[in-house]
């Protein structure tokens, strides 16, 4: 099973791929760490963003896309552009796309903590939220 974790930040979709098979997970190399949408107010740019992301998930044979959910209101609320990107990703077909909130991530990681520290993964620090979202879904779905 290949999971693509996504953290939306500004006009960027930061990604982390996690492959899980036979109770072992690994982090395959990926040609990009983030996909940007230059102008989310433009329908053409949103379509280009969506096509670029679709090509990525086809190339890496992704089974599921997991988007780290953001608050809709309050001090740490996400911006309008991020919600546009989120909607563009949620409308991808035929791939399964889901949101995972902070409490679900926290519960999954409490039950099944990361077997290694994030520093040992070889990912960049800005990819950590995307990786945690993907790993939490794997931990939630599988019993070790």
Protein backbone atom coordinates (compact mmCIF):
# COMPACT_ATOMS: atom_id res chain seq x y z
CA UNK A 1 0.00 0.00 0.00
CA UNK A 2 1.36 3.39 -1.01
CA UNK A 3 0.12 6.40 0.95
CA UNK A 4 0.77 10.03 0.00
CA UNK A 5 0.64 12.33 3.01
CA UNK A 6 -0.12 15.97 2.24
CA UNK A 7 0.35 19.12 4.30
CA UNK A 8 -1.12 22.25 2.72
CA UNK A 9 0.84 25.39 3.43
CA UNK A 10 0.10 28.61 1.56
CA UNK A 11 0.06 27.77 -2.14
CA UNK A 12 1.99 24.49 -1.69
CA UNK A 13 1.05 20.87 -1.20
CA UNK A 14 3.97 19.38 0.72
CA UNK A 15 4.11 15.63 0.18
CA UNK A 16 5.60 12.54 1.73
CA UNK A 17 5.25 9.05 0.27
CA UNK A 18 5.05 6.08 2.62
CA UNK A 19 4.98 2.51 1.32
CA UNK A 20 3.64 -0.18 3.65
CA UNK A 21 3.88 -3.90 2.88
CA UNK A 22 4.21 -7.01 5.04
CA UNK A 23 4.18 -4.93 8.26
CA UNK A 24 7.20 -2.93 7.07
CA UNK A 25 7.12 0.67 5.95
CA UNK A 26 9.65 2.48 3.81
CA UNK A 27 9.97 5.92 2.29
CA UNK A 28 10.48 5.73 -1.47
CA UNK A 29 12.38 8.48 -3.25
CA UNK A 30 10.11 11.00 -4.90
CA UNK A 31 10.97 13.45 -7.67
CA UNK A 32 9.33 16.36 -5.78
CA UNK A 33 8.80 17.37 -2.18
CA UNK A 34 6.04 19.85 -2.89
CA UNK A 35 3.68 20.84 -5.66
CA UNK A 36 2.83 24.52 -5.94
CA UNK A 37 -0.13 26.39 -7.34
CA UNK A 38 1.10 29.82 -8.42
CA UNK A 39 -2.33 31.49 -8.36
CA UNK A 40 -5.17 29.54 -6.69
CA UNK A 41 -7.61 32.26 -7.84
CA UNK A 42 -7.15 31.10 -11.44
CA UNK A 43 -9.21 28.11 -12.59
CA UNK A 44 -6.48 27.27 -15.12
CA UNK A 45 -3.79 27.19 -12.39
CA UNK A 46 -5.97 25.00 -10.13
CA UNK A 47 -6.53 22.57 -13.00
CA UNK A 48 -2.78 22.48 -13.71
CA UNK A 49 -2.12 21.83 -10.00
CA UNK A 50 -4.68 19.02 -10.03
CA UNK A 51 -3.22 17.45 -13.20
CA UNK A 52 0.32 17.66 -11.83
CA UNK A 53 -0.75 15.95 -8.61
CA UNK A 54 -2.69 13.29 -10.55
CA UNK A 55 0.40 12.50 -12.64
CA UNK A 56 2.45 12.11 -9.45
CA UNK A 57 0.02 9.65 -7.88
CA UNK A 58 -0.19 7.67 -11.12
CA UNK A 59 3.60 7.50 -11.49
CA UNK A 60 4.14 6.31 -7.92
CA UNK A 61 1.05 4.06 -7.88
CA UNK A 62 -0.42 5.77 -4.81
CA UNK A 63 -3.36 3.92 -3.24
CA UNK A 64 -4.57 6.70 -0.97
CA UNK A 65 -3.97 10.42 -0.43
CA UNK A 66 -4.19 11.68 3.14
CA UNK A 67 -4.51 15.41 3.73
CA UNK A 68 -3.67 16.80 7.13
CA UNK A 69 -6.83 18.69 8.12
CA UNK A 70 -6.61 22.30 9.19
CA UNK A 71 -8.85 24.32 11.42
CA UNK A 72 -11.57 26.28 9.66
CA UNK A 73 -11.68 29.07 12.21
CA UNK A 74 -9.72 30.37 15.15
CA UNK A 75 -6.15 31.43 15.74
CA UNK A 76 -4.58 28.63 13.68
CA UNK A 77 -7.17 28.57 10.88
CA UNK A 78 -6.05 27.72 7.37
CA UNK A 79 -6.07 30.30 4.61
CA UNK A 80 -8.50 30.48 1.71
CA UNK A 81 -5.89 29.37 -0.84
CA UNK A 82 -5.16 26.24 1.17
CA UNK A 83 -8.83 25.31 1.20
CA UNK A 84 -8.98 25.74 -2.59
CA UNK A 85 -6.04 23.35 -2.97
CA UNK A 86 -7.67 20.94 -0.54
CA UNK A 87 -10.87 20.91 -2.59
CA UNK A 88 -8.90 20.37 -5.81
CA UNK A 89 -7.22 17.32 -4.25
CA UNK A 90 -10.45 15.96 -2.76
CA UNK A 91 -12.00 15.95 -6.24
CA UNK A 92 -9.30 13.71 -7.71
CA UNK A 93 -10.67 10.55 -9.28
CA UNK A 94 -10.48 7.56 -8.97
CA UNK A 95 -8.00 7.81 -6.07
CA UNK A 96 -9.22 7.68 -2.48
CA UNK A 97 -8.60 11.02 -0.74
CA UNK A 98 -9.32 11.64 2.93
CA UNK A 99 -8.68 14.20 5.62
CA UNK A 100 -7.14 13.27 8.94
CA UNK A 101 -7.48 15.61 11.89
CA UNK A 102 -4.98 16.21 14.67
CA UNK A 103 -6.85 14.19 17.30
CA UNK A 104 -7.02 11.11 15.05
CA UNK A 105 -3.30 11.42 14.29
CA UNK A 106 -2.46 11.80 17.95
CA UNK A 107 -4.55 8.75 18.94
CA UNK A 108 -3.00 6.57 16.22
CA UNK A 109 0.54 7.62 17.14
CA UNK A 110 -0.13 7.06 20.82
CA UNK A 111 -1.30 3.52 20.10
CA UNK A 112 1.43 2.82 17.51
CA UNK A 113 4.37 5.23 17.94
CA UNK A 114 6.91 5.78 15.20
CA UNK A 115 9.49 2.98 15.32
CA UNK A 116 12.26 5.47 14.43
CA UNK A 117 12.80 9.16 15.07
CA UNK A 118 11.81 11.55 12.29
CA UNK A 119 15.45 12.65 11.91
CA UNK A 120 16.34 9.11 10.79
CA UNK A 121 13.83 9.11 7.92
CA UNK A 122 15.96 11.23 5.60
CA UNK A 123 13.04 13.57 4.90
CA UNK A 124 13.26 17.34 5.19
CA UNK A 125 11.88 18.92 8.36
CA UNK A 126 9.09 20.69 6.43
CA UNK A 127 7.80 17.25 5.29
CA UNK A 128 7.22 16.03 8.85
CA UNK A 129 3.49 16.90 9.08
CA UNK A 130 2.80 15.12 5.75
CA UNK A 131 4.79 12.07 6.87
CA UNK A 132 3.01 11.95 10.25
CA UNK A 133 -0.39 12.12 8.52
CA UNK A 134 0.51 9.21 6.22
CA UNK A 135 2.00 7.13 9.02
CA UNK A 136 -1.02 7.76 11.28
CA UNK A 137 -3.34 6.34 8.60
CA UNK A 138 -1.17 3.24 8.30
CA UNK A 139 -1.08 2.87 12.10
CA UNK A 140 -4.85 3.37 12.29
CA UNK A 141 -5.59 0.72 9.66
CA UNK A 142 -3.14 -1.99 10.72
CA UNK A 143 -2.50 -3.91 13.89
CA UNK A 144 1.13 -4.70 14.63
